[in-house]
Amino acid sequence: MSWHRAAVIGASGGIGAALCDALEARGCEVVRFNRSGENAIDLSDEASIAAAADGMRDSPPDLVLVASGVLHVEGAGPEKSFRDLSPDQLAAYFAINAAGPALVAKHFLPLFPRDSRAAFAAIGARVGSITDNGLGGWYGYRASKAALAMLVKTLSIELGRTHKQALCVALHPGTVDTKLSEPFQGNVPEGKLFTPEKSAGAMLDVLDGLGPQDSGGHFAWDGQRIAP
C-alpha cells in the first residue's frame, strides 16, 4: 500500500529523516516538519501544531507520522531509581513523548479523508509495555511511552467511529543508531542496533500491512504486536 501525501513531524531527526526519504522513494509526497524553519512545529506549543495542520487543509495528508521524542531529558540521565525522580523531568518526558503526539492527532486527524485509507502513527517503544517491564528504571521514558500507547488506543476508538478505513497506531523502531541513543548503545546485543534506514523501511512495511482492524495497536519493527 502506497501513501499519497504524508506529514512527518520530527523530520530532522535520525529516524524522522529516514522515514521521509523512504516515503519519497516509494512515491509519496512528504511535508517535513521540524522545530524550526519553513515548516515549524514545536510539540510543546499547540498553536504551532494547529498552524501546521491548517497549512495542509487544502492538500490534506493520508499519513501522519510523529517521529519526535526524547530518550532522556537534557542535563539529566534516565532515572535508575525512584530516588532520582523529579517532577520537572517527568513533565518534560510527558510533554514530548505523550502530550505532543496527542496534540498532533487533535489537529491533524480532522484532515483525514472519510472514504479512503489513512493512518496516524507515532514512534512508540517496547519499554513502554507494562507487561514487558522486567528490569525497572527509566521511569519517565517508560511511563511517557506507556501513556502514548494508551492515547493511541483511545484515539483509535474515536477515529474509527467516523473514518472506517483509517488506523491509529504506535510503532516501535527497535534500537536505532542515532545521536539520541548513542549514550546507551553499550548493552545492545550484536545485530540489534539498526541503521535509521533499516528501521524506517521496516516500520513502513509493517504500517503498509496493517488495516483498520489493527487500529489502536502497538507494533514493533518486525510486525510483532507489543503487549500493553
Protein backbone atom coordinates (compact mmCIF):
# COMPACT_ATOMS: atom_id res chain seq x y z
CA MET A 1 0.00 0.00 0.00
CA SER A 2 1.48 3.33 -1.01
CA TRP A 3 0.66 6.62 0.65
CA HIS A 4 -0.06 9.72 -1.39
CA ARG A 5 0.83 12.58 0.94
CA ALA A 6 2.50 12.38 4.32
CA ALA A 7 3.15 14.82 7.14
CA VAL A 8 6.23 13.83 9.14
CA ILE A 9 6.79 15.59 12.46
CA GLY A 10 10.39 15.42 13.66
CA ALA A 11 11.75 15.15 10.13
CA SER A 12 15.23 16.38 11.01
CA GLY A 13 15.96 13.57 13.48
CA GLY A 14 17.67 10.34 12.50
CA ILE A 15 14.52 8.23 12.30
CA GLY A 16 12.35 11.07 11.00
CA ALA A 17 14.69 11.91 8.13
CA ALA A 18 14.98 8.24 7.20
CA LEU A 19 11.17 7.90 7.19
CA CYS A 20 10.88 10.92 4.89
CA ASP A 21 13.49 9.58 2.48
CA ALA A 22 11.92 6.11 2.44
CA LEU A 23 8.44 7.51 1.79
CA GLU A 24 9.68 9.69 -1.05
CA ALA A 25 11.50 6.71 -2.55
CA ARG A 26 8.13 4.92 -2.56
CA GLY A 27 6.50 7.75 -4.48
CA CYS A 28 4.87 9.59 -1.58
CA GLU A 29 4.83 13.38 -1.36
CA VAL A 30 6.24 14.35 2.04
CA VAL A 31 5.84 17.54 4.04
CA ARG A 32 8.66 17.69 6.58
CA PHE A 33 8.01 19.42 9.89
CA ASN A 34 10.87 20.38 12.24
CA ARG A 35 11.25 22.51 15.33
CA SER A 36 12.41 25.45 13.20
CA GLY A 37 12.44 26.56 9.60
CA GLU A 38 9.74 26.91 6.97
CA ASN A 39 7.54 24.10 8.33
CA ALA A 40 7.96 24.57 12.06
CA ILE A 41 6.24 22.53 14.75
CA ASP A 42 7.08 22.69 18.44
CA LEU A 43 5.36 19.81 20.24
CA SER A 44 5.21 21.91 23.39
CA ASP A 45 3.41 24.74 21.55
CA GLU A 46 -0.13 23.79 20.49
CA ALA A 47 -0.51 26.96 18.42
CA SER A 48 2.35 25.87 16.17
CA ILE A 49 0.75 22.44 15.72
CA ALA A 50 -2.61 23.98 14.85
CA ALA A 51 -0.97 26.35 12.34
CA ALA A 52 0.88 23.47 10.67
CA ALA A 53 -2.30 21.44 10.30
CA ASP A 54 -4.19 24.45 8.93
CA GLY A 55 -1.47 24.86 6.32
CA MET A 56 -2.28 21.38 4.96
CA ARG A 57 -6.03 21.85 4.86
CA ASP A 58 -6.17 22.41 1.10
CA SER A 59 -3.97 19.38 0.35
CA PRO A 60 -4.52 17.09 3.34
CA PRO A 61 -2.32 14.11 4.18
CA ASP A 62 -3.43 10.50 4.24
CA LEU A 63 -0.49 9.65 6.53
CA VAL A 64 0.73 11.49 9.63
CA LEU A 65 3.90 10.24 11.33
CA VAL A 66 5.16 11.63 14.64
CA ALA A 67 8.85 10.75 14.83
CA SER A 68 9.76 13.21 17.59
CA GLY A 69 10.64 12.02 21.07
CA VAL A 70 13.09 12.25 23.95
CA LEU A 71 15.03 9.31 25.33
CA HIS A 72 16.46 11.34 28.17
CA VAL A 73 15.98 14.89 29.36
CA GLU A 74 18.81 17.30 28.61
CA GLY A 75 21.07 17.72 31.60
CA ALA A 76 19.85 14.55 33.30
CA GLY A 77 20.20 10.86 32.61
CA PRO A 78 17.40 8.29 32.77
CA GLU A 79 16.19 7.63 36.32
CA LYS A 80 17.74 4.38 37.55
CA SER A 81 15.94 4.61 40.90
CA PHE A 82 12.82 6.21 42.36
CA ARG A 83 15.28 8.38 44.31
CA ASP A 84 16.11 10.10 41.02
CA LEU A 85 12.53 11.12 40.24
CA SER A 86 11.92 14.78 39.52
CA PRO A 87 8.57 16.42 38.70
CA ASP A 88 10.18 18.69 36.12
CA GLN A 89 11.93 15.78 34.44
CA LEU A 90 8.75 13.69 34.34
CA ALA A 91 6.80 16.62 32.91
CA ALA A 92 9.40 17.05 30.17
CA TYR A 93 9.11 13.38 29.14
CA PHE A 94 5.32 13.50 29.02
CA ALA A 95 5.22 16.82 27.14
CA ILE A 96 7.19 15.48 24.17
CA ASN A 97 6.52 11.72 24.20
CA ALA A 98 2.82 11.72 25.03
CA ALA A 99 1.10 15.12 25.04
CA GLY A 100 2.87 16.28 21.87
CA PRO A 101 1.72 13.40 19.64
CA ALA A 102 -1.78 13.64 21.13
CA LEU A 103 -1.98 17.32 20.16
CA VAL A 104 -0.75 16.49 16.66
CA ALA A 105 -3.61 14.00 16.42
CA LYS A 106 -6.06 16.60 17.72
CA HIS A 107 -5.30 18.95 14.85
CA PHE A 108 -4.34 16.57 12.02
CA LEU A 109 -6.92 13.77 12.32
CA PRO A 110 -9.78 16.06 11.18
CA LEU A 111 -7.91 16.43 7.85
CA PHE A 112 -8.16 12.71 7.04
CA PRO A 113 -10.43 11.61 4.20
CA ARG A 114 -13.53 9.80 5.43
CA ASP A 115 -13.91 7.47 2.48
CA SER A 116 -10.38 6.15 1.92
CA ARG A 117 -7.38 4.72 3.77
CA ALA A 118 -5.45 6.96 6.15
CA ALA A 119 -3.10 6.44 9.07
CA PHE A 120 -1.73 8.22 12.12
CA ALA A 121 1.40 6.65 13.60
CA ALA A 122 3.66 7.73 16.45
CA ILE A 123 7.00 6.28 17.45
CA GLY A 124 6.45 4.04 20.46
CA ALA A 125 8.88 1.91 22.46
CA ARG A 126 8.87 -1.63 23.74
CA VAL A 127 9.93 -0.37 27.17
CA GLY A 128 6.55 1.39 27.32
CA SER A 129 4.92 -2.03 27.70
CA ILE A 130 3.85 -2.59 31.32
CA THR A 131 3.70 -6.34 30.68
CA ASP A 132 7.25 -6.43 29.30
CA ASN A 133 8.84 -4.42 32.10
CA GLY A 134 11.11 -6.84 33.93
CA LEU A 135 14.08 -4.56 34.67
CA GLY A 136 12.64 -1.34 36.09
CA GLY A 137 14.38 2.01 35.82
CA TRP A 138 13.92 4.61 33.10
CA TYR A 139 10.79 5.84 34.89
CA GLY A 140 9.94 8.89 32.82
CA TYR A 141 10.67 7.34 29.44
CA ARG A 142 8.78 4.14 30.21
CA ALA A 143 5.80 5.96 31.67
CA SER A 144 5.52 8.51 28.86
CA LYS A 145 5.66 5.79 26.19
CA ALA A 146 3.05 3.76 28.09
CA ALA A 147 0.89 6.89 28.13
CA LEU A 148 1.42 7.27 24.39
CA ALA A 149 0.19 3.71 23.82
CA MET A 150 -2.99 4.48 25.78
CA LEU A 151 -3.54 7.73 23.92
CA VAL A 152 -3.15 5.94 20.59
CA LYS A 153 -5.65 3.29 21.65
CA THR A 154 -8.18 5.89 22.79
CA LEU A 155 -7.70 7.99 19.65
CA SER A 156 -8.26 4.91 17.50
CA ILE A 157 -11.68 4.27 19.04
CA GLU A 158 -12.93 7.77 18.33
CA LEU A 159 -11.36 7.90 14.86
CA GLY A 160 -12.94 4.57 13.94
CA ARG A 161 -16.43 5.93 14.52
CA THR A 162 -16.14 8.40 11.64
CA HIS A 163 -13.26 7.10 9.49
CA LYS A 164 -13.88 3.41 8.88
CA GLN A 165 -10.76 2.88 6.77
CA ALA A 166 -8.34 4.79 8.99
CA LEU A 167 -5.96 3.46 11.60
CA CYS A 168 -4.05 4.91 14.51
CA VAL A 169 -1.02 3.01 15.84
CA ALA A 170 2.27 3.22 17.70
CA LEU A 171 5.39 1.82 16.01
CA HIS A 172 8.47 0.58 17.85
CA PRO A 173 11.59 1.22 15.72
CA GLY A 174 13.98 -1.08 17.57
CA THR A 175 17.27 0.32 18.87
CA VAL A 176 18.43 2.73 16.19
CA ASP A 177 21.89 4.19 15.73
CA THR A 178 21.17 7.89 16.23
CA LYS A 179 22.56 10.69 18.36
CA LEU A 180 19.58 10.16 20.66
CA SER A 181 20.55 6.59 21.52
CA GLU A 182 24.33 6.92 21.25
CA PRO A 183 24.98 7.21 25.00
CA PHE A 184 23.04 4.00 25.67
CA GLN A 185 24.25 1.65 22.94
CA GLY A 186 26.82 -0.21 25.05
CA ASN A 187 24.47 -3.02 26.11
CA VAL A 188 22.77 -3.53 22.74
CA PRO A 189 23.25 -7.15 21.56
CA GLU A 190 25.17 -7.69 18.34
CA GLY A 191 22.93 -7.35 15.31
CA LYS A 192 20.23 -5.47 17.23
CA LEU A 193 21.45 -1.93 16.53
CA PHE A 194 19.72 -0.78 13.36
CA THR A 195 20.56 1.98 10.93
CA PRO A 196 17.83 4.62 10.64
CA GLU A 197 17.25 3.47 7.06
CA LYS A 198 16.66 -0.16 8.05
CA SER A 199 14.32 0.79 10.88
CA ALA A 200 12.35 3.26 8.75
CA GLY A 201 11.89 0.77 5.93
CA ALA A 202 10.80 -1.95 8.33
CA MET A 203 8.25 0.28 10.08
CA LEU A 204 6.76 1.42 6.79
CA ASP A 205 6.47 -2.20 5.67
CA VAL A 206 4.62 -3.00 8.90
CA LEU A 207 2.35 0.01 8.50
CA ASP A 208 1.54 -0.96 4.92
CA GLY A 209 0.36 -4.35 6.12
CA LEU A 210 -1.98 -3.05 8.81
CA GLY A 211 -5.69 -2.44 8.42
CA PRO A 212 -8.50 -0.79 10.41
CA GLN A 213 -8.80 -3.98 12.49
CA ASP A 214 -5.28 -3.26 13.83
CA SER A 215 -6.05 0.31 14.82
CA GLY A 216 -5.08 1.14 18.40
CA GLY A 217 -2.24 -1.38 18.45
CA HIS A 218 1.46 -1.02 19.23
CA PHE A 219 3.66 -2.82 16.71
CA ALA A 220 7.39 -3.50 16.59
CA TRP A 221 9.58 -3.06 13.51
CA ASP A 222 9.25 -6.79 12.79
CA GLY A 223 5.45 -6.72 12.83
CA GLN A 224 5.02 -8.25 16.29
CA ARG A 225 2.26 -6.75 18.40
CA ILE A 226 3.62 -5.36 21.67
CA ALA A 227 1.56 -6.16 24.75
CA PRO A 228 0.22 -3.19 26.74
